[in-house]
N, C-alpha and C. Protein backbone atom coordinates (compact mmCIF):
# COMPACT_ATOMS: atom_id res chain seq x y z
N MET A 1 50.21 59.14 106.59
CA MET A 1 50.47 60.43 107.16
C MET A 1 51.11 60.21 108.52
N PRO A 2 52.21 60.91 108.83
CA PRO A 2 52.85 60.68 110.11
C PRO A 2 51.96 61.09 111.27
N PRO A 3 52.08 60.42 112.41
CA PRO A 3 51.22 60.73 113.56
C PRO A 3 51.34 62.19 113.99
N GLU A 4 52.54 62.80 113.90
CA GLU A 4 52.68 64.18 114.34
C GLU A 4 51.83 65.12 113.49
N THR A 5 51.59 64.79 112.25
CA THR A 5 50.75 65.61 111.39
C THR A 5 49.30 65.56 111.89
N LEU A 6 48.88 64.39 112.30
CA LEU A 6 47.50 64.23 112.75
C LEU A 6 47.25 64.93 114.08
N THR A 7 48.27 65.12 114.89
CA THR A 7 48.07 65.71 116.20
C THR A 7 48.26 67.22 116.22
N GLN A 8 48.43 67.84 115.07
CA GLN A 8 48.63 69.28 115.04
C GLN A 8 47.34 70.06 115.19
N GLY A 9 46.24 69.41 115.31
CA GLY A 9 44.99 70.08 115.63
C GLY A 9 44.17 70.48 114.42
N PRO A 10 43.01 71.07 114.72
CA PRO A 10 42.06 71.44 113.67
C PRO A 10 42.49 72.63 112.82
N ASP A 11 43.59 73.30 113.18
CA ASP A 11 44.06 74.43 112.37
C ASP A 11 44.31 74.01 110.93
N ARG A 12 44.70 72.78 110.71
CA ARG A 12 44.96 72.28 109.36
C ARG A 12 43.69 72.32 108.51
N PHE A 13 42.54 72.16 109.13
CA PHE A 13 41.29 72.17 108.38
C PHE A 13 40.96 73.56 107.84
N ASP A 14 41.49 74.59 108.46
CA ASP A 14 41.25 75.96 108.03
C ASP A 14 42.30 76.46 107.05
N ASP A 15 43.35 75.69 106.83
CA ASP A 15 44.47 76.10 105.99
C ASP A 15 44.19 75.76 104.53
N ASP A 16 44.02 76.80 103.69
CA ASP A 16 43.73 76.59 102.26
C ASP A 16 44.86 75.89 101.52
N ASP A 17 46.07 75.92 102.08
CA ASP A 17 47.22 75.33 101.41
C ASP A 17 47.58 73.94 101.93
N TYR A 18 46.84 73.46 102.90
CA TYR A 18 47.13 72.13 103.44
C TYR A 18 46.65 71.06 102.46
N PRO A 19 47.53 70.14 102.06
CA PRO A 19 47.16 69.12 101.07
C PRO A 19 46.33 67.99 101.68
N ALA A 20 45.05 68.23 101.83
CA ALA A 20 44.19 67.30 102.56
C ALA A 20 43.47 66.29 101.68
N TYR A 21 43.41 66.52 100.36
CA TYR A 21 42.55 65.71 99.52
C TYR A 21 43.33 64.79 98.60
N THR A 22 42.91 63.53 98.56
CA THR A 22 43.50 62.56 97.65
C THR A 22 43.07 62.89 96.22
N MET A 23 43.74 62.31 95.27
CA MET A 23 43.41 62.58 93.87
C MET A 23 41.95 62.22 93.56
N GLY A 24 41.52 61.07 94.00
CA GLY A 24 40.15 60.64 93.73
C GLY A 24 39.12 61.58 94.32
N ARG A 25 39.33 61.95 95.57
CA ARG A 25 38.40 62.87 96.25
C ARG A 25 38.45 64.25 95.61
N ALA A 26 39.65 64.73 95.27
CA ALA A 26 39.80 66.04 94.63
C ALA A 26 39.07 66.07 93.29
N ALA A 27 39.26 65.04 92.49
CA ALA A 27 38.60 64.97 91.19
C ALA A 27 37.08 64.97 91.36
N GLU A 28 36.60 64.21 92.31
CA GLU A 28 35.16 64.15 92.59
C GLU A 28 34.63 65.52 93.00
N MET A 29 35.38 66.23 93.82
CA MET A 29 34.94 67.53 94.33
C MET A 29 34.79 68.57 93.23
N ILE A 30 35.63 68.52 92.21
CA ILE A 30 35.54 69.52 91.13
C ILE A 30 34.84 68.97 89.89
N GLY A 31 34.35 67.75 89.98
CA GLY A 31 33.62 67.17 88.86
C GLY A 31 34.50 66.84 87.67
N ALA A 32 35.71 66.41 87.96
CA ALA A 32 36.67 66.08 86.90
C ALA A 32 37.15 64.64 87.09
N THR A 33 38.07 64.24 86.24
CA THR A 33 38.67 62.91 86.37
C THR A 33 40.07 63.05 86.95
N PRO A 34 40.60 61.97 87.51
CA PRO A 34 42.00 62.01 87.94
C PRO A 34 42.93 62.38 86.79
N GLY A 35 42.60 61.95 85.59
CA GLY A 35 43.41 62.30 84.42
C GLY A 35 43.47 63.80 84.18
N PHE A 36 42.35 64.49 84.43
CA PHE A 36 42.34 65.95 84.29
C PHE A 36 43.30 66.58 85.30
N LEU A 37 43.26 66.10 86.53
CA LEU A 37 44.17 66.65 87.55
C LEU A 37 45.63 66.38 87.18
N ARG A 38 45.90 65.20 86.63
CA ARG A 38 47.27 64.92 86.17
C ARG A 38 47.66 65.88 85.04
N ALA A 39 46.72 66.16 84.14
CA ALA A 39 46.99 67.04 83.00
C ALA A 39 47.29 68.47 83.46
N VAL A 40 46.52 69.00 84.42
CA VAL A 40 46.82 70.35 84.89
C VAL A 40 48.12 70.37 85.69
N GLY A 41 48.46 69.25 86.29
CA GLY A 41 49.76 69.14 86.94
C GLY A 41 50.89 69.12 85.92
N ASP A 42 50.70 68.38 84.83
CA ASP A 42 51.69 68.34 83.74
C ASP A 42 51.87 69.71 83.10
N ALA A 43 50.78 70.49 83.05
CA ALA A 43 50.84 71.84 82.48
C ALA A 43 51.40 72.85 83.50
N ARG A 44 51.73 72.36 84.68
CA ARG A 44 52.33 73.16 85.76
C ARG A 44 51.40 74.24 86.30
N LEU A 45 50.11 74.00 86.19
CA LEU A 45 49.15 74.92 86.80
C LEU A 45 49.15 74.72 88.31
N ILE A 46 49.15 73.47 88.71
CA ILE A 46 49.23 73.13 90.13
C ILE A 46 50.27 72.04 90.30
N THR A 47 50.87 72.00 91.47
CA THR A 47 51.84 70.95 91.79
C THR A 47 51.42 70.31 93.11
N PRO A 48 50.76 69.17 93.02
CA PRO A 48 50.30 68.54 94.26
C PRO A 48 51.49 68.04 95.09
N LEU A 49 51.30 68.07 96.39
CA LEU A 49 52.32 67.47 97.26
C LEU A 49 52.11 65.97 97.24
N ARG A 50 53.08 65.26 97.73
CA ARG A 50 52.99 63.79 97.75
C ARG A 50 52.97 63.30 99.19
N SER A 51 52.16 62.29 99.42
CA SER A 51 52.15 61.64 100.74
C SER A 51 53.42 60.80 100.87
N GLU A 52 53.65 60.27 102.04
CA GLU A 52 54.83 59.41 102.24
C GLU A 52 54.79 58.21 101.30
N GLY A 53 53.61 57.78 100.92
CA GLY A 53 53.46 56.65 100.00
C GLY A 53 53.55 57.05 98.54
N GLY A 54 53.74 58.35 98.27
CA GLY A 54 53.89 58.83 96.90
C GLY A 54 52.59 59.24 96.23
N HIS A 55 51.48 59.25 96.98
CA HIS A 55 50.19 59.62 96.40
C HIS A 55 50.04 61.14 96.36
N ARG A 56 49.41 61.62 95.31
CA ARG A 56 49.17 63.07 95.17
C ARG A 56 48.16 63.53 96.21
N ARG A 57 48.42 64.71 96.77
CA ARG A 57 47.50 65.35 97.73
C ARG A 57 47.29 66.79 97.30
N TYR A 58 46.04 67.22 97.32
CA TYR A 58 45.66 68.54 96.84
C TYR A 58 45.10 69.40 97.96
N SER A 59 45.37 70.69 97.88
CA SER A 59 44.82 71.65 98.84
C SER A 59 43.54 72.26 98.29
N ARG A 60 42.81 72.96 99.14
CA ARG A 60 41.60 73.63 98.68
C ARG A 60 41.93 74.71 97.66
N TYR A 61 43.04 75.43 97.87
CA TYR A 61 43.45 76.45 96.90
C TYR A 61 43.70 75.80 95.53
N GLN A 62 44.43 74.69 95.52
CA GLN A 62 44.71 74.01 94.26
C GLN A 62 43.42 73.54 93.59
N LEU A 63 42.47 73.11 94.38
CA LEU A 63 41.20 72.65 93.81
C LEU A 63 40.42 73.81 93.19
N ARG A 64 40.47 74.99 93.81
CA ARG A 64 39.81 76.15 93.21
C ARG A 64 40.45 76.50 91.88
N VAL A 65 41.78 76.45 91.81
CA VAL A 65 42.50 76.75 90.57
C VAL A 65 42.15 75.71 89.50
N ALA A 66 42.16 74.45 89.86
CA ALA A 66 41.84 73.38 88.90
C ALA A 66 40.38 73.49 88.44
N ALA A 67 39.49 73.86 89.35
CA ALA A 67 38.08 74.01 88.98
C ALA A 67 37.90 75.14 87.96
N ARG A 68 38.65 76.22 88.11
CA ARG A 68 38.58 77.32 87.14
C ARG A 68 39.07 76.85 85.77
N ALA A 69 40.16 76.08 85.76
CA ALA A 69 40.66 75.54 84.49
C ALA A 69 39.62 74.60 83.87
N ARG A 70 38.96 73.83 84.70
CA ARG A 70 37.93 72.92 84.19
C ARG A 70 36.79 73.69 83.55
N GLU A 71 36.38 74.81 84.15
CA GLU A 71 35.32 75.64 83.55
C GLU A 71 35.71 76.07 82.14
N LEU A 72 36.96 76.51 81.98
CA LEU A 72 37.42 76.95 80.67
C LEU A 72 37.46 75.80 79.67
N VAL A 73 37.93 74.64 80.12
CA VAL A 73 38.00 73.46 79.25
C VAL A 73 36.58 73.04 78.84
N ASP A 74 35.65 73.11 79.78
CA ASP A 74 34.26 72.75 79.47
C ASP A 74 33.66 73.70 78.43
N GLN A 75 34.19 74.92 78.34
CA GLN A 75 33.71 75.91 77.36
C GLN A 75 34.42 75.75 76.02
N GLY A 76 35.32 74.76 75.92
CA GLY A 76 35.98 74.49 74.65
C GLY A 76 37.41 74.98 74.54
N THR A 77 37.96 75.54 75.60
CA THR A 77 39.34 76.01 75.59
C THR A 77 40.28 74.82 75.73
N PRO A 78 41.31 74.72 74.91
CA PRO A 78 42.29 73.63 75.09
C PRO A 78 42.92 73.71 76.48
N ILE A 79 43.26 72.58 77.04
CA ILE A 79 43.73 72.54 78.43
C ILE A 79 44.98 73.39 78.64
N GLU A 80 45.91 73.37 77.69
CA GLU A 80 47.13 74.17 77.85
C GLU A 80 46.79 75.66 77.89
N ALA A 81 45.87 76.09 77.03
CA ALA A 81 45.44 77.49 77.01
C ALA A 81 44.68 77.84 78.28
N ALA A 82 43.83 76.93 78.74
CA ALA A 82 43.08 77.17 79.97
C ALA A 82 44.02 77.36 81.16
N CYS A 83 45.05 76.54 81.22
CA CYS A 83 46.02 76.66 82.31
C CYS A 83 46.74 77.99 82.24
N ARG A 84 47.11 78.42 81.04
CA ARG A 84 47.80 79.71 80.88
C ARG A 84 46.88 80.86 81.27
N ILE A 85 45.61 80.78 80.89
CA ILE A 85 44.64 81.82 81.26
C ILE A 85 44.51 81.93 82.76
N VAL A 86 44.40 80.79 83.44
CA VAL A 86 44.25 80.79 84.89
C VAL A 86 45.50 81.39 85.55
N ILE A 87 46.67 81.05 85.04
CA ILE A 87 47.92 81.61 85.58
C ILE A 87 47.91 83.13 85.41
N LEU A 88 47.54 83.60 84.23
CA LEU A 88 47.51 85.05 83.97
C LEU A 88 46.46 85.75 84.84
N GLU A 89 45.30 85.13 85.02
CA GLU A 89 44.28 85.71 85.90
C GLU A 89 44.81 85.84 87.32
N ASP A 90 45.52 84.82 87.78
CA ASP A 90 46.08 84.84 89.13
C ASP A 90 47.14 85.93 89.26
N GLN A 91 47.99 86.08 88.25
CA GLN A 91 49.01 87.12 88.27
C GLN A 91 48.38 88.51 88.26
N LEU A 92 47.34 88.69 87.47
CA LEU A 92 46.66 89.97 87.41
C LEU A 92 46.03 90.31 88.76
N GLU A 93 45.39 89.34 89.37
CA GLU A 93 44.77 89.56 90.69
C GLU A 93 45.82 89.98 91.72
N GLU A 94 46.96 89.32 91.69
CA GLU A 94 48.04 89.66 92.62
C GLU A 94 48.56 91.07 92.36
N ALA A 95 48.75 91.43 91.09
CA ALA A 95 49.23 92.77 90.75
C ALA A 95 48.22 93.83 91.20
N GLN A 96 46.94 93.57 91.02
CA GLN A 96 45.92 94.52 91.45
C GLN A 96 45.91 94.67 92.97
N ARG A 97 46.11 93.57 93.68
CA ARG A 97 46.17 93.62 95.15
C ARG A 97 47.36 94.47 95.60
N ILE A 98 48.50 94.27 94.97
CA ILE A 98 49.70 95.05 95.32
C ILE A 98 49.47 96.53 95.01
N ASN A 99 48.89 96.83 93.85
CA ASN A 99 48.60 98.23 93.49
C ASN A 99 47.69 98.89 94.52
N GLU A 100 46.67 98.18 94.96
CA GLU A 100 45.77 98.74 95.97
C GLU A 100 46.51 99.01 97.28
N GLN A 101 47.39 98.11 97.67
CA GLN A 101 48.18 98.32 98.89
C GLN A 101 49.06 99.55 98.75
N LEU A 102 49.69 99.69 97.59
CA LEU A 102 50.57 100.84 97.38
C LEU A 102 49.78 102.14 97.34
N ARG A 103 48.63 102.12 96.71
CA ARG A 103 47.78 103.32 96.69
C ARG A 103 47.35 103.70 98.10
N GLY A 104 47.02 102.72 98.91
CA GLY A 104 46.62 102.98 100.30
C GLY A 104 47.76 103.59 101.09
N THR A 105 48.97 103.14 100.84
CA THR A 105 50.14 103.67 101.53
C THR A 105 50.38 105.12 101.13
N ARG A 106 50.26 105.42 99.84
CA ARG A 106 50.50 106.78 99.35
C ARG A 106 49.38 107.73 99.73
N ALA A 107 48.18 107.23 99.92
CA ALA A 107 47.04 108.08 100.22
C ALA A 107 47.09 108.61 101.64
N ARG A 108 47.83 107.96 102.52
CA ARG A 108 47.92 108.41 103.90
C ARG A 108 48.76 109.68 103.97
N PRO A 109 48.28 110.69 104.66
CA PRO A 109 49.08 111.93 104.77
C PRO A 109 50.34 111.66 105.59
N GLU A 110 51.38 112.35 105.21
CA GLU A 110 52.63 112.26 105.95
C GLU A 110 52.41 112.80 107.35
N GLU A 111 52.95 112.12 108.32
CA GLU A 111 52.81 112.61 109.69
C GLU A 111 53.81 113.73 109.91
N ALA A 112 53.30 114.83 110.37
CA ALA A 112 54.17 115.99 110.63
C ALA A 112 54.96 115.73 111.90
N PRO A 113 56.24 116.13 111.90
CA PRO A 113 57.02 115.95 113.13
C PRO A 113 56.48 116.82 114.24
N SER A 114 56.50 116.29 115.44
CA SER A 114 55.97 117.07 116.58
C SER A 114 56.97 118.15 116.96
N SER A 115 56.43 119.32 117.38
CA SER A 115 57.28 120.46 117.73
C SER A 115 57.70 120.44 119.16
């Protein structure tokens, strides 16, 4: 990791998208194997960033997504189907969030022009 990355402060620790975890540590954290993480990467569920040395690095957000896929696989869902389900769940959540924002915007009364 370049020195400038290390000196950017503790803000990186709070960033869900910062690729802080190596493949081995990531797999350990979600109770999976490195092969499982490679498989969800091959299925394009997550795309880990690479270190300067070419090693995969995972963010906390990616680990949450992979952990959800692992839950489905543990229940007997094929990995490709599990990845598709997780993608659809994520898309649905985003659409619901946007709908709520739009409803909130429309619910506000129009401001009357001042006389």
